[in-house]
Amino acid sequence: MNGHYALDKGNAKLMGVCSGFARWADVDPMLTRLTMVLLTLFLGPIALLAYIVTAMVANNG
């Protein structure tokens, strides 16, 4: 893991949450995006809320 988490707006598709997590965890960004889609299908609004909260907290931090 590469230090602290930050949004990756240069590689972002939406807000940079998944690409930032991928950079932080040193994994492929497409894998994190696919995982987020699957979480959204299974958890619905909880996953979307977590995505938005993560984007807001990381953007202000």
PDB file of N, CA and C in Angstrom:
ATOM      1  N   MET A   1       0.845  -1.166   0.000  1.00  0.00           N
ATOM      2  CA  MET A   1       0.000   0.000   0.000  1.00  0.00           C
ATOM      3  C   MET A   1       0.894   1.235   0.000  1.00  0.00           C
ATOM      4  N   ASN A   2       0.451   2.224  -0.733  1.00  0.00           N
ATOM      5  CA  ASN A   2       1.286   3.391  -0.992  1.00  0.00           C
ATOM      6  C   ASN A   2       0.890   4.600  -0.156  1.00  0.00           C
ATOM      7  N   GLY A   3       1.128   4.580   1.132  1.00  0.00           N
ATOM      8  CA  GLY A   3       0.866   5.750   1.967  1.00  0.00           C
ATOM      9  C   GLY A   3      -0.609   6.028   2.165  1.00  0.00           C
ATOM     10  N   HIS A   4      -1.010   7.288   2.005  1.00  0.00           N
ATOM     11  CA  HIS A   4      -2.394   7.679   2.264  1.00  0.00           C
ATOM     12  C   HIS A   4      -3.222   7.659   0.977  1.00  0.00           C
ATOM     13  N   TYR A   5      -4.522   7.534   1.140  1.00  0.00           N
ATOM     14  CA  TYR A   5      -5.458   7.480   0.013  1.00  0.00           C
ATOM     15  C   TYR A   5      -5.733   8.882  -0.507  1.00  0.00           C
ATOM     16  N   ALA A   6      -5.800   9.022  -1.805  1.00  0.00           N
ATOM     17  CA  ALA A   6      -6.191  10.284  -2.439  1.00  0.00           C
ATOM     18  C   ALA A   6      -6.899   9.968  -3.749  1.00  0.00           C
ATOM     19  N   LEU A   7      -7.808  10.841  -4.148  1.00  0.00           N
ATOM     20  CA  LEU A   7      -8.488  10.680  -5.429  1.00  0.00           C
ATOM     21  C   LEU A   7      -7.457  10.755  -6.554  1.00  0.00           C
ATOM     22  N   ASP A   8      -7.715  10.023  -7.633  1.00  0.00           N
ATOM     23  CA  ASP A   8      -6.852  10.054  -8.811  1.00  0.00           C
ATOM     24  C   ASP A   8      -7.669  10.636  -9.958  1.00  0.00           C
ATOM     25  N   LYS A   9      -7.744  11.955 -10.018  1.00  0.00           N
ATOM     26  CA  LYS A   9      -8.581  12.609 -11.018  1.00  0.00           C
ATOM     27  C   LYS A   9      -7.992  12.525 -12.421  1.00  0.00           C
ATOM     28  N   GLY A  10      -6.706  12.263 -12.533  1.00  0.00           N
ATOM     29  CA  GLY A  10      -6.080  12.121 -13.847  1.00  0.00           C
ATOM     30  C   GLY A  10      -6.475  10.837 -14.551  1.00  0.00           C
ATOM     31  N   ASN A  11      -6.844   9.816 -13.798  1.00  0.00           N
ATOM     32  CA  ASN A  11      -7.230   8.523 -14.348  1.00  0.00           C
ATOM     33  C   ASN A  11      -8.699   8.216 -14.047  1.00  0.00           C
ATOM     34  N   ALA A  12      -9.445   9.243 -13.691  1.00  0.00           N
ATOM     35  CA  ALA A  12     -10.824   9.067 -13.239  1.00  0.00           C
ATOM     36  C   ALA A  12     -11.784   8.836 -14.401  1.00  0.00           C
ATOM     37  N   LYS A  13     -12.818   8.075 -14.135  1.00  0.00           N
ATOM     38  CA  LYS A  13     -13.954   7.939 -15.049  1.00  0.00           C
ATOM     39  C   LYS A  13     -15.132   8.759 -14.549  1.00  0.00           C
ATOM     40  N   LEU A  14     -15.263   8.873 -13.238  1.00  0.00           N
ATOM     41  CA  LEU A  14     -16.352   9.652 -12.652  1.00  0.00           C
ATOM     42  C   LEU A  14     -15.775  10.681 -11.684  1.00  0.00           C
ATOM     43  N   MET A  15     -15.390  10.259 -10.511  1.00  0.00           N
ATOM     44  CA  MET A  15     -14.830  11.174  -9.510  1.00  0.00           C
ATOM     45  C   MET A  15     -13.395  10.842  -9.123  1.00  0.00           C
ATOM     46  N   GLY A  16     -12.909   9.675  -9.483  1.00  0.00           N
ATOM     47  CA  GLY A  16     -11.554   9.276  -9.150  1.00  0.00           C
ATOM     48  C   GLY A  16     -11.440   8.410  -7.913  1.00  0.00           C
ATOM     49  N   VAL A  17     -12.575   7.968  -7.367  1.00  0.00           N
ATOM     50  CA  VAL A  17     -12.555   7.139  -6.159  1.00  0.00           C
ATOM     51  C   VAL A  17     -11.942   5.771  -6.465  1.00  0.00           C
ATOM     52  N   CYS A  18     -12.408   5.102  -7.485  1.00  0.00           N
ATOM     53  CA  CYS A  18     -11.912   3.763  -7.809  1.00  0.00           C
ATOM     54  C   CYS A  18     -10.464   3.801  -8.282  1.00  0.00           C
ATOM     55  N   SER A  19     -10.115   4.776  -9.112  1.00  0.00           N
ATOM     56  CA  SER A  19      -8.732   4.856  -9.579  1.00  0.00           C
ATOM     57  C   SER A  19      -7.794   5.246  -8.439  1.00  0.00           C
ATOM     58  N   GLY A  20      -8.256   6.070  -7.520  1.00  0.00           N
ATOM     59  CA  GLY A  20      -7.452   6.405  -6.346  1.00  0.00           C
ATOM     60  C   GLY A  20      -7.236   5.201  -5.456  1.00  0.00           C
ATOM     61  N   PHE A  21      -8.284   4.413  -5.260  1.00  0.00           N
ATOM     62  CA  PHE A  21      -8.144   3.190  -4.462  1.00  0.00           C
ATOM     63  C   PHE A  21      -7.206   2.211  -5.153  1.00  0.00           C
ATOM     64  N   ALA A  22      -7.320   2.099  -6.476  1.00  0.00           N
ATOM     65  CA  ALA A  22      -6.447   1.194  -7.229  1.00  0.00           C
ATOM     66  C   ALA A  22      -4.987   1.614  -7.098  1.00  0.00           C
ATOM     67  N   ARG A  23      -4.715   2.897  -7.172  1.00  0.00           N
ATOM     68  CA  ARG A  23      -3.343   3.382  -7.015  1.00  0.00           C
ATOM     69  C   ARG A  23      -2.842   3.114  -5.594  1.00  0.00           C
ATOM     70  N   TRP A  24      -3.698   3.361  -4.613  1.00  0.00           N
ATOM     71  CA  TRP A  24      -3.341   3.148  -3.211  1.00  0.00           C
ATOM     72  C   TRP A  24      -3.051   1.676  -2.917  1.00  0.00           C
ATOM     73  N   ALA A  25      -3.891   0.774  -3.475  1.00  0.00           N
ATOM     74  CA  ALA A  25      -3.759  -0.658  -3.221  1.00  0.00           C
ATOM     75  C   ALA A  25      -2.839  -1.352  -4.231  1.00  0.00           C
ATOM     76  N   ASP A  26      -2.358  -0.603  -5.234  1.00  0.00           N
ATOM     77  CA  ASP A  26      -1.477  -1.136  -6.267  1.00  0.00           C
ATOM     78  C   ASP A  26      -2.135  -2.296  -7.019  1.00  0.00           C
ATOM     79  N   VAL A  27      -3.357  -2.055  -7.494  1.00  0.00           N
ATOM     80  CA  VAL A  27      -4.087  -3.025  -8.317  1.00  0.00           C
ATOM     81  C   VAL A  27      -4.593  -2.316  -9.574  1.00  0.00           C
ATOM     82  N   ASP A  28      -5.117  -3.087 -10.506  1.00  0.00           N
ATOM     83  CA  ASP A  28      -5.630  -2.544 -11.756  1.00  0.00           C
ATOM     84  C   ASP A  28      -6.898  -1.722 -11.501  1.00  0.00           C
ATOM     85  N   PRO A  29      -6.981  -0.492 -12.026  1.00  0.00           N
ATOM     86  CA  PRO A  29      -8.180   0.329 -11.822  1.00  0.00           C
ATOM     87  C   PRO A  29      -9.461  -0.321 -12.360  1.00  0.00           C
ATOM     88  N   MET A  30      -9.356  -1.080 -13.430  1.00  0.00           N
ATOM     89  CA  MET A  30     -10.549  -1.739 -13.980  1.00  0.00           C
ATOM     90  C   MET A  30     -11.096  -2.761 -12.994  1.00  0.00           C
ATOM     91  N   LEU A  31     -10.223  -3.409 -12.239  1.00  0.00           N
ATOM     92  CA  LEU A  31     -10.660  -4.370 -11.219  1.00  0.00           C
ATOM     93  C   LEU A  31     -11.442  -3.667 -10.114  1.00  0.00           C
ATOM     94  N   THR A  32     -10.980  -2.505  -9.695  1.00  0.00           N
ATOM     95  CA  THR A  32     -11.708  -1.779  -8.648  1.00  0.00           C
ATOM     96  C   THR A  32     -13.037  -1.247  -9.172  1.00  0.00           C
ATOM     97  N   ARG A  33     -13.070  -0.831 -10.429  1.00  0.00           N
ATOM     98  CA  ARG A  33     -14.337  -0.357 -11.017  1.00  0.00           C
ATOM     99  C   ARG A  33     -15.344  -1.497 -11.133  1.00  0.00           C
ATOM    100  N   LEU A  34     -14.884  -2.648 -11.566  1.00  0.00           N
ATOM    101  CA  LEU A  34     -15.759  -3.819 -11.671  1.00  0.00           C
ATOM    102  C   LEU A  34     -16.279  -4.223 -10.294  1.00  0.00           C
ATOM    103  N   THR A  35     -15.411  -4.184  -9.294  1.00  0.00           N
ATOM    104  CA  THR A  35     -15.820  -4.494  -7.927  1.00  0.00           C
ATOM    105  C   THR A  35     -16.882  -3.519  -7.449  1.00  0.00           C
ATOM    106  N   MET A  36     -16.723  -2.245  -7.770  1.00  0.00           N
ATOM    107  CA  MET A  36     -17.706  -1.241  -7.368  1.00  0.00           C
ATOM    108  C   MET A  36     -19.058  -1.490  -8.046  1.00  0.00           C
ATOM    109  N   VAL A  37     -19.035  -1.867  -9.308  1.00  0.00           N
ATOM    110  CA  VAL A  37     -20.286  -2.186 -10.009  1.00  0.00           C
ATOM    111  C   VAL A  37     -20.977  -3.375  -9.345  1.00  0.00           C
ATOM    112  N   LEU A  38     -20.205  -4.410  -9.024  1.00  0.00           N
ATOM    113  CA  LEU A  38     -20.788  -5.585  -8.367  1.00  0.00           C
ATOM    114  C   LEU A  38     -21.330  -5.242  -6.984  1.00  0.00           C
ATOM    115  N   LEU A  39     -20.590  -4.423  -6.236  1.00  0.00           N
ATOM    116  CA  LEU A  39     -21.093  -3.999  -4.924  1.00  0.00           C
ATOM    117  C   LEU A  39     -22.385  -3.204  -5.057  1.00  0.00           C
ATOM    118  N   THR A  40     -22.466  -2.371  -6.079  1.00  0.00           N
ATOM    119  CA  THR A  40     -23.677  -1.592  -6.296  1.00  0.00           C
ATOM    120  C   THR A  40     -24.858  -2.500  -6.636  1.00  0.00           C
ATOM    121  N   LEU A  41     -24.608  -3.536  -7.419  1.00  0.00           N
ATOM    122  CA  LEU A  41     -25.687  -4.470  -7.759  1.00  0.00           C
ATOM    123  C   LEU A  41     -26.185  -5.218  -6.524  1.00  0.00           C
ATOM    124  N   PHE A  42     -25.260  -5.592  -5.633  1.00  0.00           N
ATOM    125  CA  PHE A  42     -25.644  -6.366  -4.464  1.00  0.00           C
ATOM    126  C   PHE A  42     -26.100  -5.514  -3.282  1.00  0.00           C
ATOM    127  N   LEU A  43     -25.477  -4.362  -3.092  1.00  0.00           N
ATOM    128  CA  LEU A  43     -25.788  -3.537  -1.922  1.00  0.00           C
ATOM    129  C   LEU A  43     -26.638  -2.315  -2.239  1.00  0.00           C
ATOM    130  N   GLY A  44     -26.765  -1.997  -3.509  1.00  0.00           N
ATOM    131  CA  GLY A  44     -27.612  -0.881  -3.930  1.00  0.00           C
ATOM    132  C   GLY A  44     -27.160   0.461  -3.391  1.00  0.00           C
ATOM    133  N   PRO A  45     -28.072   1.182  -2.758  1.00  0.00           N
ATOM    134  CA  PRO A  45     -27.786   2.550  -2.325  1.00  0.00           C
ATOM    135  C   PRO A  45     -26.664   2.651  -1.289  1.00  0.00           C
ATOM    136  N   ILE A  46     -26.404   1.590  -0.552  1.00  0.00           N
ATOM    137  CA  ILE A  46     -25.333   1.636   0.446  1.00  0.00           C
ATOM    138  C   ILE A  46     -23.984   1.823  -0.237  1.00  0.00           C
ATOM    139  N   ALA A  47     -23.751   1.089  -1.318  1.00  0.00           N
ATOM    140  CA  ALA A  47     -22.494   1.205  -2.045  1.00  0.00           C
ATOM    141  C   ALA A  47     -22.362   2.581  -2.688  1.00  0.00           C
ATOM    142  N   LEU A  48     -23.438   3.093  -3.241  1.00  0.00           N
ATOM    143  CA  LEU A  48     -23.400   4.423  -3.852  1.00  0.00           C
ATOM    144  C   LEU A  48     -23.155   5.506  -2.812  1.00  0.00           C
ATOM    145  N   LEU A  49     -23.767   5.371  -1.668  1.00  0.00           N
ATOM    146  CA  LEU A  49     -23.550   6.329  -0.588  1.00  0.00           C
ATOM    147  C   LEU A  49     -22.093   6.285  -0.115  1.00  0.00           C
ATOM    148  N   ALA A  50     -21.540   5.091   0.012  1.00  0.00           N
ATOM    149  CA  ALA A  50     -20.141   4.951   0.417  1.00  0.00           C
ATOM    150  C   ALA A  50     -19.214   5.585  -0.620  1.00  0.00           C
ATOM    151  N   TYR A  51     -19.523   5.424  -1.899  1.00  0.00           N
ATOM    152  CA  TYR A  51     -18.730   6.024  -2.979  1.00  0.00           C
ATOM    153  C   TYR A  51     -18.745   7.549  -2.869  1.00  0.00           C
ATOM    154  N   ILE A  52     -19.936   8.120  -2.686  1.00  0.00           N
ATOM    155  CA  ILE A  52     -20.073   9.581  -2.610  1.00  0.00           C
ATOM    156  C   ILE A  52     -19.394  10.126  -1.367  1.00  0.00           C
ATOM    157  N   VAL A  53     -19.568   9.463  -0.232  1.00  0.00           N
ATOM    158  CA  VAL A  53     -18.930   9.913   1.005  1.00  0.00           C
ATOM    159  C   VAL A  53     -17.399   9.841   0.865  1.00  0.00           C
ATOM    160  N   THR A  54     -16.896   8.773   0.277  1.00  0.00           N
ATOM    161  CA  THR A  54     -15.465   8.650   0.062  1.00  0.00           C
ATOM    162  C   THR A  54     -14.942   9.781  -0.815  1.00  0.00           C
ATOM    163  N   ALA A  55     -15.669  10.103  -1.877  1.00  0.00           N
ATOM    164  CA  ALA A  55     -15.260  11.183  -2.777  1.00  0.00           C
ATOM    165  C   ALA A  55     -15.246  12.533  -2.037  1.00  0.00           C
ATOM    166  N   MET A  56     -16.251  12.774  -1.227  1.00  0.00           N
ATOM    167  CA  MET A  56     -16.321  14.044  -0.511  1.00  0.00           C
ATOM    168  C   MET A  56     -15.233  14.155   0.554  1.00  0.00           C
ATOM    169  N   VAL A  57     -15.003  13.088   1.304  1.00  0.00           N
ATOM    170  CA  VAL A  57     -13.986  13.123   2.359  1.00  0.00           C
ATOM    171  C   VAL A  57     -12.589  13.229   1.754  1.00  0.00           C
ATOM    172  N   ALA A  58     -12.302  12.460   0.712  1.00  0.00           N
ATOM    173  CA  ALA A  58     -10.976  12.488   0.101  1.00  0.00           C
ATOM    174  C   ALA A  58     -10.724  13.806  -0.607  1.00  0.00           C
ATOM    175  N   ASN A  59     -11.758  14.420  -1.133  1.00  0.00           N
ATOM    176  CA  ASN A  59     -11.611  15.696  -1.831  1.00  0.00           C
ATOM    177  C   ASN A  59     -11.307  16.823  -0.855  1.00  0.00           C
ATOM    178  N   ASN A  60     -11.854  16.734   0.356  1.00  0.00           N
ATOM    179  CA  ASN A  60     -11.633  17.777   1.361  1.00  0.00           C
ATOM    180  C   ASN A  60     -10.387  17.527   2.191  1.00  0.00           C
ATOM    181  N   GLY A  61      -9.851  16.313   2.146  1.00  0.00           N
ATOM    182  CA  GLY A  61      -8.697  15.967   2.973  1.00  0.00           C
ATOM    183  C   GLY A  61      -7.439  16.203   2.311  1.00  0.00           C
TER     184      GLY A  61
END
